[in-house]
Protein backbone atom coordinates (compact mmCIF):
# COMPACT_ATOMS: atom_id res chain seq x y z
CA MET A 1 -13.26 2.64 7.56
CA GLU A 2 -10.95 -0.36 7.60
CA GLN A 3 -7.17 0.13 7.43
CA ASN A 4 -6.18 -1.31 4.07
CA PRO A 5 -3.79 -0.11 1.33
CA GLN A 6 -6.70 -0.37 -1.12
CA ASN A 7 -8.46 2.40 0.84
CA ASN A 8 -6.10 4.92 -0.78
CA ILE A 9 -7.42 4.16 -4.27
CA CYS A 10 -10.48 5.85 -5.73
CA PRO A 11 -12.92 3.15 -6.85
CA ILE A 12 -13.91 5.20 -9.89
CA CYS A 13 -10.65 6.42 -11.49
CA GLN A 14 -8.28 4.00 -9.70
CA LYS A 15 -5.93 6.86 -8.75
CA GLU A 16 -4.82 7.79 -5.24
CA ASN A 17 -7.72 9.44 -3.43
CA GLN A 18 -5.62 11.48 -0.95
CA CYS A 19 -7.95 10.44 1.87
CA ASP A 20 -6.61 10.89 5.39
CA VAL A 21 -9.82 10.15 7.30
CA HIS A 22 -7.88 8.29 10.00
CA ALA A 23 -6.12 11.55 10.91
CA GLN A 24 -9.59 13.12 11.29
CA GLN A 25 -8.52 16.08 9.16
CA CYS A 26 -9.31 14.84 5.68
CA TRP A 27 -10.62 16.98 2.83
CA CYS A 28 -13.46 14.47 2.45
CA MET A 29 -14.93 15.54 5.79
CA THR A 30 -15.73 18.97 4.35
CA PHE A 31 -17.16 17.69 1.03
CA THR A 32 -20.71 16.61 0.34
CA ILE A 33 -20.50 13.44 -1.70
CA PRO A 34 -23.61 12.98 -3.84
CA LYS A 35 -25.67 9.96 -2.79
CA ALA A 36 -26.20 9.06 -6.46
CA LEU A 37 -22.43 8.79 -6.93
CA ILE A 38 -22.10 6.51 -3.90
CA ASP A 39 -25.09 4.46 -5.06
CA ASN A 40 -23.19 3.65 -8.28
CA LEU A 41 -20.44 1.86 -6.32
CA PRO A 42 -20.50 -1.92 -5.81
CA THR A 43 -21.82 -2.85 -2.35
CA GLU A 44 -18.52 -4.42 -1.28
CA ILE A 45 -16.69 -1.09 -1.81
CA LYS A 46 -19.14 1.26 -0.09
CA GLY A 47 -17.67 2.57 3.16
CA LYS A 48 -14.28 1.03 2.40
CA GLN A 49 -12.80 3.19 -0.38
CA CYS A 50 -13.15 6.95 -0.71
CA ILE A 51 -14.01 8.57 -4.01
CA CYS A 52 -11.35 11.15 -4.89
CA ASN A 53 -11.91 14.89 -5.00
CA GLN A 54 -11.50 15.01 -8.79
CA CYS A 55 -14.16 12.36 -9.41
CA ILE A 56 -16.60 14.13 -7.08
CA VAL A 57 -16.02 17.48 -8.83
CA LYS A 58 -16.32 15.84 -12.26
CA TYR A 59 -19.60 14.18 -11.25
CA ASN A 60 -21.00 17.43 -9.82
CA ASN A 61 -20.04 19.37 -12.96
CA SER A 62 -21.62 16.80 -15.27
CA SER A 63 -24.79 16.71 -13.14
CA ARG A 64 -25.19 20.49 -13.40
CA LYS A 65 -25.04 20.34 -17.20
CA ARG A 66 -28.04 18.00 -17.39
């Protein structure tokens, strides 16, 4: 992932995503991020901005209710 201040913003909710992937100890390394959620992102954002924990949980909870 590129070093960029924008990387700290979730592309879905626009809040800080708390990603620390550059330290190689980020919460996102232990989470499975649904492919369908990633597929909804614009191509230019994929692999450049992390989706935050809250948006992933919210997506997973809404998917289970369907």
